[in-house]
PDB file of all heavy atoms in Angstrom:
ATOM      1  N   VAL A   1    -138.567 -92.501  49.780  1.00  0.00           N
ATOM      2  CA  VAL A   1    -137.903 -91.709  50.815  1.00  0.00           C
ATOM      3  C   VAL A   1    -138.551 -90.325  50.868  1.00  0.00           C
ATOM      4  O   VAL A   1    -138.544 -89.576  49.893  1.00  0.00           O
ATOM      5  CB  VAL A   1    -136.390 -91.585  50.521  1.00  0.00           C
ATOM      6  CG1 VAL A   1    -135.726 -90.734  51.609  1.00  0.00           C
ATOM      7  CG2 VAL A   1    -135.744 -92.953  50.457  1.00  0.00           C
ATOM      8  N   LYS A   2    -139.107 -90.013  52.042  1.00  0.00           N
ATOM      9  CA  LYS A   2    -139.780 -88.729  52.224  1.00  0.00           C
ATOM     10  C   LYS A   2    -138.852 -87.694  52.856  1.00  0.00           C
ATOM     11  O   LYS A   2    -138.879 -86.518  52.485  1.00  0.00           O
ATOM     12  CB  LYS A   2    -141.020 -88.922  53.090  1.00  0.00           C
ATOM     13  CG  LYS A   2    -141.831 -87.648  53.297  1.00  0.00           C
ATOM     14  CD  LYS A   2    -143.074 -87.932  54.127  1.00  0.00           C
ATOM     15  CE  LYS A   2    -143.901 -86.659  54.317  1.00  0.00           C
ATOM     16  NZ  LYS A   2    -145.120 -86.931  55.124  1.00  0.00           N
ATOM     17  N   ALA A   3    -138.021 -88.132  53.811  1.00  0.00           N
ATOM     18  CA  ALA A   3    -137.141 -87.182  54.500  1.00  0.00           C
ATOM     19  C   ALA A   3    -135.934 -87.918  55.042  1.00  0.00           C
ATOM     20  O   ALA A   3    -136.012 -89.088  55.438  1.00  0.00           O
ATOM     21  CB  ALA A   3    -137.886 -86.483  55.637  1.00  0.00           C
ATOM     22  N   LEU A   4    -134.777 -87.239  55.021  1.00  0.00           N
ATOM     23  CA  LEU A   4    -133.547 -87.733  55.629  1.00  0.00           C
ATOM     24  C   LEU A   4    -133.231 -86.850  56.833  1.00  0.00           C
ATOM     25  O   LEU A   4    -133.103 -85.630  56.698  1.00  0.00           O
ATOM     26  CB  LEU A   4    -132.381 -87.687  54.626  1.00  0.00           C
ATOM     27  CG  LEU A   4    -132.498 -88.553  53.372  1.00  0.00           C
ATOM     28  CD1 LEU A   4    -131.292 -88.322  52.465  1.00  0.00           C
ATOM     29  CD2 LEU A   4    -132.607 -90.025  53.735  1.00  0.00           C
ATOM     30  N   TYR A   5    -133.114 -87.474  57.993  1.00  0.00           N
ATOM     31  CA  TYR A   5    -132.858 -86.701  59.204  1.00  0.00           C
ATOM     32  C   TYR A   5    -131.368 -86.578  59.505  1.00  0.00           C
ATOM     33  O   TYR A   5    -130.966 -85.707  60.275  1.00  0.00           O
ATOM     34  CB  TYR A   5    -133.572 -87.346  60.384  1.00  0.00           C
ATOM     35  CG  TYR A   5    -135.067 -87.466  60.179  1.00  0.00           C
ATOM     36  CD1 TYR A   5    -135.712 -88.691  60.337  1.00  0.00           C
ATOM     37  CD2 TYR A   5    -135.825 -86.362  59.818  1.00  0.00           C
ATOM     38  CE1 TYR A   5    -137.084 -88.799  60.146  1.00  0.00           C
ATOM     39  CE2 TYR A   5    -137.194 -86.457  59.627  1.00  0.00           C
ATOM     40  CZ  TYR A   5    -137.814 -87.683  59.785  1.00  0.00           C
ATOM     41  OH  TYR A   5    -139.173 -87.791  59.581  1.00  0.00           O
ATOM     42  N   LEU A   6    -130.545 -87.439  58.892  1.00  0.00           N
ATOM     43  CA  LEU A   6    -129.096 -87.407  59.086  1.00  0.00           C
ATOM     44  C   LEU A   6    -128.420 -87.674  57.752  1.00  0.00           C
ATOM     45  O   LEU A   6    -128.996 -88.322  56.866  1.00  0.00           O
ATOM     46  CB  LEU A   6    -128.654 -88.460  60.114  1.00  0.00           C
ATOM     47  CG  LEU A   6    -129.137 -88.269  61.562  1.00  0.00           C
ATOM     48  CD1 LEU A   6    -128.770 -89.484  62.386  1.00  0.00           C
ATOM     49  CD2 LEU A   6    -128.545 -87.020  62.174  1.00  0.00           C
ATOM     50  N   GLU A   7    -127.197 -87.196  57.594  1.00  0.00           N
ATOM     51  CA  GLU A   7    -126.453 -87.409  56.361  1.00  0.00           C
ATOM     52  C   GLU A   7    -125.535 -88.613  56.434  1.00  0.00           C
ATOM     53  O   GLU A   7    -125.144 -89.172  55.425  1.00  0.00           O
ATOM     54  CB  GLU A   7    -125.622 -86.162  56.036  1.00  0.00           C
ATOM     55  CG  GLU A   7    -126.448 -84.934  55.708  1.00  0.00           C
ATOM     56  CD  GLU A   7    -127.298 -85.135  54.465  1.00  0.00           C
ATOM     57  OE1 GLU A   7    -126.859 -85.868  53.555  1.00  0.00           O
ATOM     58  OE2 GLU A   7    -128.405 -84.580  54.410  1.00  0.00           O
ATOM     59  N   GLY A   8    -125.155 -89.020  57.628  1.00  0.00           N
ATOM     60  CA  GLY A   8    -124.213 -90.125  57.776  1.00  0.00           C
ATOM     61  C   GLY A   8    -122.884 -89.654  58.324  1.00  0.00           C
ATOM     62  O   GLY A   8    -122.551 -88.455  58.282  1.00  0.00           O
ATOM     63  N   GLY A   9    -122.109 -90.589  58.854  1.00  0.00           N
ATOM     64  CA  GLY A   9    -120.842 -90.252  59.460  1.00  0.00           C
ATOM     65  C   GLY A   9    -121.012 -89.566  60.798  1.00  0.00           C
ATOM     66  O   GLY A   9    -120.107 -88.873  61.265  1.00  0.00           O
ATOM     67  N   GLU A  10    -122.188 -89.742  61.422  1.00  0.00           N
ATOM     68  CA  GLU A  10    -122.481 -89.090  62.687  1.00  0.00           C
ATOM     69  C   GLU A  10    -122.787 -90.124  63.759  1.00  0.00           C
ATOM     70  O   GLU A  10    -123.224 -91.239  63.466  1.00  0.00           O
ATOM     71  CB  GLU A  10    -123.682 -88.145  62.529  1.00  0.00           C
ATOM     72  CG  GLU A  10    -123.517 -87.110  61.420  1.00  0.00           C
ATOM     73  CD  GLU A  10    -124.795 -86.324  61.197  1.00  0.00           C
ATOM     74  OE1 GLU A  10    -125.362 -85.839  62.185  1.00  0.00           O
ATOM     75  OE2 GLU A  10    -125.212 -86.212  60.028  1.00  0.00           O
ATOM     76  N   GLN A  11    -122.602 -89.739  65.017  1.00  0.00           N
ATOM     77  CA  GLN A  11    -122.973 -90.584  66.135  1.00  0.00           C
ATOM     78  C   GLN A  11    -124.487 -90.572  66.308  1.00  0.00           C
ATOM     79  O   GLN A  11    -125.116 -89.510  66.247  1.00  0.00           O
ATOM     80  CB  GLN A  11    -122.306 -90.089  67.425  1.00  0.00           C
ATOM     81  CG  GLN A  11    -120.809 -90.372  67.507  1.00  0.00           C
ATOM     82  CD  GLN A  11    -120.513 -91.836  67.769  1.00  0.00           C
ATOM     83  OE1 GLN A  11    -121.355 -92.596  68.219  1.00  0.00           O
ATOM     84  NE2 GLN A  11    -119.287 -92.246  67.484  1.00  0.00           N
ATOM     85  N   VAL A  12    -125.069 -91.746  66.489  1.00  0.00           N
ATOM     86  CA  VAL A  12    -126.514 -91.848  66.702  1.00  0.00           C
ATOM     87  C   VAL A  12    -126.765 -92.605  67.995  1.00  0.00           C
ATOM     88  O   VAL A  12    -125.905 -93.357  68.473  1.00  0.00           O
ATOM     89  CB  VAL A  12    -127.213 -92.563  65.525  1.00  0.00           C
ATOM     90  CG1 VAL A  12    -127.074 -91.767  64.250  1.00  0.00           C
ATOM     91  CG2 VAL A  12    -126.651 -93.979  65.332  1.00  0.00           C
ATOM     92  N   THR A  13    -127.951 -92.414  68.554  1.00  0.00           N
ATOM     93  CA  THR A  13    -128.345 -93.100  69.777  1.00  0.00           C
ATOM     94  C   THR A  13    -129.519 -94.024  69.491  1.00  0.00           C
ATOM     95  O   THR A  13    -130.241 -93.847  68.494  1.00  0.00           O
ATOM     96  CB  THR A  13    -128.734 -92.094  70.870  1.00  0.00           C
ATOM     97  OG1 THR A  13    -129.796 -91.252  70.371  1.00  0.00           O
ATOM     98  CG2 THR A  13    -127.552 -91.228  71.257  1.00  0.00           C
ATOM     99  N   THR A  14    -129.716 -94.985  70.349  1.00  0.00           N
ATOM    100  CA  THR A  14    -130.795 -95.959  70.169  1.00  0.00           C
ATOM    101  C   THR A  14    -132.147 -95.253  70.077  1.00  0.00           C
ATOM    102  O   THR A  14    -132.481 -94.413  70.918  1.00  0.00           O
ATOM    103  CB  THR A  14    -130.810 -96.947  71.339  1.00  0.00           C
ATOM    104  OG1 THR A  14    -129.531 -97.594  71.427  1.00  0.00           O
ATOM    105  CG2 THR A  14    -131.879 -98.005  71.142  1.00  0.00           C
ATOM    106  N   GLY A  15    -132.923 -95.596  69.038  1.00  0.00           N
ATOM    107  CA  GLY A  15    -134.248 -95.005  68.841  1.00  0.00           C
ATOM    108  C   GLY A  15    -134.257 -93.714  68.058  1.00  0.00           C
ATOM    109  O   GLY A  15    -135.340 -93.201  67.747  1.00  0.00           O
ATOM    110  N   GLN A  16    -133.102 -93.178  67.714  1.00  0.00           N
ATOM    111  CA  GLN A  16    -133.061 -91.921  66.964  1.00  0.00           C
ATOM    112  C   GLN A  16    -133.527 -92.136  65.535  1.00  0.00           C
ATOM    113  O   GLN A  16    -133.139 -93.094  64.864  1.00  0.00           O
ATOM    114  CB  GLN A  16    -131.642 -91.359  66.975  1.00  0.00           C
ATOM    115  CG  GLN A  16    -131.516 -89.999  66.302  1.00  0.00           C
ATOM    116  CD  GLN A  16    -130.119 -89.420  66.438  1.00  0.00           C
ATOM    117  OE1 GLN A  16    -129.280 -89.981  67.131  1.00  0.00           O
ATOM    118  NE2 GLN A  16    -129.868 -88.302  65.792  1.00  0.00           N
ATOM    119  N   ALA A  17    -134.389 -91.247  65.047  1.00  0.00           N
ATOM    120  CA  ALA A  17    -134.921 -91.350  63.681  1.00  0.00           C
ATOM    121  C   ALA A  17    -133.832 -91.021  62.663  1.00  0.00           C
ATOM    122  O   ALA A  17    -133.128 -90.021  62.806  1.00  0.00           O
ATOM    123  CB  ALA A  17    -136.105 -90.410  63.507  1.00  0.00           C
ATOM    124  N   LEU A  18    -133.724 -91.869  61.647  1.00  0.00           N
ATOM    125  CA  LEU A  18    -132.710 -91.683  60.609  1.00  0.00           C
ATOM    126  C   LEU A  18    -133.325 -91.143  59.313  1.00  0.00           C
ATOM    127  O   LEU A  18    -132.782 -90.243  58.691  1.00  0.00           O
ATOM    128  CB  LEU A  18    -132.000 -93.006  60.333  1.00  0.00           C
ATOM    129  CG  LEU A  18    -131.416 -93.731  61.557  1.00  0.00           C
ATOM    130  CD1 LEU A  18    -130.757 -95.023  61.132  1.00  0.00           C
ATOM    131  CD2 LEU A  18    -130.438 -92.835  62.292  1.00  0.00           C
ATOM    132  N   LEU A  19    -134.447 -91.720  58.916  1.00  0.00           N
ATOM    133  CA  LEU A  19    -135.130 -91.260  57.709  1.00  0.00           C
ATOM    134  C   LEU A  19    -136.578 -91.716  57.767  1.00  0.00           C
ATOM    135  O   LEU A  19    -136.942 -92.569  58.585  1.00  0.00           O
ATOM    136  CB  LEU A  19    -134.465 -91.777  56.433  1.00  0.00           C
ATOM    137  CG  LEU A  19    -134.624 -93.274  56.115  1.00  0.00           C
ATOM    138  CD1 LEU A  19    -134.512 -93.496  54.630  1.00  0.00           C
ATOM    139  CD2 LEU A  19    -133.596 -94.109  56.829  1.00  0.00           C
ATOM    140  N   LYS A  20    -137.387 -91.171  56.899  1.00  0.00           N
ATOM    141  CA  LYS A  20    -138.809 -91.519  56.859  1.00  0.00           C
ATOM    142  C   LYS A  20    -139.195 -91.911  55.444  1.00  0.00           C
ATOM    143  O   LYS A  20    -138.804 -91.244  54.474  1.00  0.00           O
ATOM    144  CB  LYS A  20    -139.676 -90.354  57.338  1.00  0.00           C
ATOM    145  CG  LYS A  20    -141.169 -90.691  57.405  1.00  0.00           C
ATOM    146  CD  LYS A  20    -141.972 -89.574  58.027  1.00  0.00           C
ATOM    147  CE  LYS A  20    -143.461 -89.937  58.109  1.00  0.00           C
ATOM    148  NZ  LYS A  20    -143.688 -91.151  58.925  1.00  0.00           N
ATOM    149  N   LEU A  21    -139.979 -92.994  55.349  1.00  0.00           N
ATOM    150  CA  LEU A  21    -140.502 -93.459  54.072  1.00  0.00           C
ATOM    151  C   LEU A  21    -141.997 -93.195  54.025  1.00  0.00           C
ATOM    152  O   LEU A  21    -142.655 -93.061  55.064  1.00  0.00           O
ATOM    153  CB  LEU A  21    -140.255 -94.960  53.898  1.00  0.00           C
ATOM    154  CG  LEU A  21    -138.810 -95.453  53.994  1.00  0.00           C
ATOM    155  CD1 LEU A  21    -138.770 -96.964  53.892  1.00  0.00           C
ATOM    156  CD2 LEU A  21    -137.945 -94.824  52.909  1.00  0.00           C
ATOM    157  N   THR A  22    -142.532 -93.127  52.837  1.00  0.00           N
ATOM    158  CA  THR A  22    -143.969 -93.005  52.661  1.00  0.00           C
ATOM    159  C   THR A  22    -144.443 -94.060  51.668  1.00  0.00           C
ATOM    160  O   THR A  22    -143.750 -94.357  50.683  1.00  0.00           O
ATOM    161  CB  THR A  22    -144.355 -91.598  52.158  1.00  0.00           C
ATOM    162  OG1 THR A  22    -145.771 -91.537  52.014  1.00  0.00           O
ATOM    163  CG2 THR A  22    -143.695 -91.277  50.817  1.00  0.00           C
ATOM    164  N   ASN A  23    -145.634 -94.636  51.961  1.00  0.00           N
ATOM    165  CA  ASN A  23    -146.197 -95.677  51.106  1.00  0.00           C
ATOM    166  C   ASN A  23    -147.719 -95.516  51.111  1.00  0.00           C
ATOM    167  O   ASN A  23    -148.402 -96.063  51.990  1.00  0.00           O
ATOM    168  CB  ASN A  23    -145.799 -97.064  51.621  1.00  0.00           C
ATOM    169  CG  ASN A  23    -146.178 -98.176  50.655  1.00  0.00           C
ATOM    170  OD1 ASN A  23    -147.165 -98.071  49.940  1.00  0.00           O
ATOM    171  ND2 ASN A  23    -145.396 -99.236  50.647  1.00  0.00           N
ATOM    172  N   PRO A  24    -148.290 -94.725  50.175  1.00  0.00           N
ATOM    173  CA  PRO A  24    -149.741 -94.489  50.166  1.00  0.00           C
ATOM    174  C   PRO A  24    -150.553 -95.776  50.107  1.00  0.00           C
ATOM    175  O   PRO A  24    -151.608 -95.873  50.745  1.00  0.00           O
ATOM    176  CB  PRO A  24    -149.940 -93.638  48.900  1.00  0.00           C
ATOM    177  CG  PRO A  24    -148.611 -92.988  48.660  1.00  0.00           C
ATOM    178  CD  PRO A  24    -147.593 -93.992  49.107  1.00  0.00           C
ATOM    179  N   GLY A  25    -150.080 -96.760  49.360  1.00  0.00           N
ATOM    180  CA  GLY A  25    -150.816 -98.014  49.263  1.00  0.00           C
ATOM    181  C   GLY A  25    -150.915 -98.712  50.604  1.00  0.00           C
ATOM    182  O   GLY A  25    -151.979 -99.230  50.981  1.00  0.00           O
ATOM    183  N   LEU A  26    -149.815 -98.726  51.340  1.00  0.00           N
ATOM    184  CA  LEU A  26    -149.806 -99.359  52.658  1.00  0.00           C
ATOM    185  C   LEU A  26    -150.727 -98.609  53.622  1.00  0.00           C
ATOM    186  O   LEU A  26    -151.463 -99.225  54.407  1.00  0.00           O
ATOM    187  CB  LEU A  26    -148.390 -99.397  53.209  1.00  0.00           C
ATOM    188  CG  LEU A  26    -148.212-100.052  54.582  1.00  0.00           C
ATOM    189  CD1 LEU A  26    -148.588-101.525  54.523  1.00  0.00           C
ATOM    190  CD2 LEU A  26    -146.780 -99.886  55.067  1.00  0.00           C
ATOM    191  N   GLU A  27    -150.707 -97.283  53.553  1.00  0.00           N
ATOM    192  CA  GLU A  27    -151.552 -96.488  54.440  1.00  0.00           C
ATOM    193  C   GLU A  27    -153.035 -96.719  54.126  1.00  0.00           C
ATOM    194  O   GLU A  27    -153.867 -96.817  55.043  1.00  0.00           O
ATOM    195  CB  GLU A  27    -151.193 -95.016  54.296  1.00  0.00           C
ATOM    196  CG  GLU A  27    -149.776 -94.692  54.774  1.00  0.00           C
ATOM    197  CD  GLU A  27    -149.330 -93.295  54.389  1.00  0.00           C
ATOM    198  OE1 GLU A  27    -150.142 -92.590  53.746  1.00  0.00           O
ATOM    199  OE2 GLU A  27    -148.188 -92.920  54.703  1.00  0.00           O
ATOM    200  N   LEU A  28    -153.376 -96.809  52.821  1.00  0.00           N
ATOM    201  CA  LEU A  28    -154.773 -97.067  52.446  1.00  0.00           C
ATOM    202  C   LEU A  28    -155.193 -98.455  52.895  1.00  0.00           C
ATOM    203  O   LEU A  28    -156.302 -98.643  53.435  1.00  0.00           O
ATOM    204  CB  LEU A  28    -154.938 -96.907  50.934  1.00  0.00           C
ATOM    205  CG  LEU A  28    -156.342 -97.142  50.375  1.00  0.00           C
ATOM    206  CD1 LEU A  28    -157.321 -96.148  50.979  1.00  0.00           C
ATOM    207  CD2 LEU A  28    -156.338 -97.046  48.844  1.00  0.00           C
ATOM    208  N   ASN A  29    -154.337 -99.425  52.701  1.00  0.00           N
ATOM    209  CA  ASN A  29    -154.642-100.785  53.149  1.00  0.00           C
ATOM    210  C   ASN A  29    -154.837-100.812  54.666  1.00  0.00           C
ATOM    211  O   ASN A  29    -155.684-101.540  55.187  1.00  0.00           O
ATOM    212  CB  ASN A  29    -153.532-101.749  52.744  1.00  0.00           C
ATOM    213  CG  ASN A  29    -153.510-101.996  51.252  1.00  0.00           C
ATOM    214  OD1 ASN A  29    -154.523-101.817  50.572  1.00  0.00           O
ATOM    215  ND2 ASN A  29    -152.369-102.414  50.729  1.00  0.00           N
ATOM    216  N   TYR A  30    -154.029-100.047  55.354  1.00  0.00           N
ATOM    217  CA  TYR A  30    -154.150-100.003  56.815  1.00  0.00           C
ATOM    218  C   TYR A  30    -155.522 -99.472  57.223  1.00  0.00           C
ATOM    219  O   TYR A  30    -156.200-100.040  58.093  1.00  0.00           O
ATOM    220  CB  TYR A  30    -153.046 -99.123  57.399  1.00  0.00           C
ATOM    221  CG  TYR A  30    -153.240 -98.823  58.869  1.00  0.00           C
ATOM    222  CD1 TYR A  30    -153.036 -99.811  59.833  1.00  0.00           C
ATOM    223  CD2 TYR A  30    -153.649 -97.563  59.273  1.00  0.00           C
ATOM    224  CE1 TYR A  30    -153.231 -99.534  61.175  1.00  0.00           C
ATOM    225  CE2 TYR A  30    -153.846 -97.282  60.616  1.00  0.00           C
ATOM    226  CZ  TYR A  30    -153.632 -98.267  61.563  1.00  0.00           C
ATOM    227  OH  TYR A  30    -153.829 -98.000  62.891  1.00  0.00           O
ATOM    228  N   MET A  31    -155.959 -98.383  56.576  1.00  0.00           N
ATOM    229  CA  MET A  31    -157.249 -97.818  56.945  1.00  0.00           C
ATOM    230  C   MET A  31    -158.389 -98.776  56.616  1.00  0.00           C
ATOM    231  O   MET A  31    -159.327 -98.946  57.407  1.00  0.00           O
ATOM    232  CB  MET A  31    -157.445 -96.482  56.219  1.00  0.00           C
ATOM    233  CG  MET A  31    -156.549 -95.364  56.745  1.00  0.00           C
ATOM    234  SD  MET A  31    -156.901 -93.740  56.032  1.00  0.00           S
ATOM    235  CE  MET A  31    -156.328 -94.007  54.341  1.00  0.00           C
TER     236      MET A  31
END
């Protein structure tokens, strides 16, 4: 978990970012 954009208990809309993950291995494999 790299960042949390919301804490919870809130109204959200379709497509709204909730949190972001990071995976260096996946990114290297992608490149």
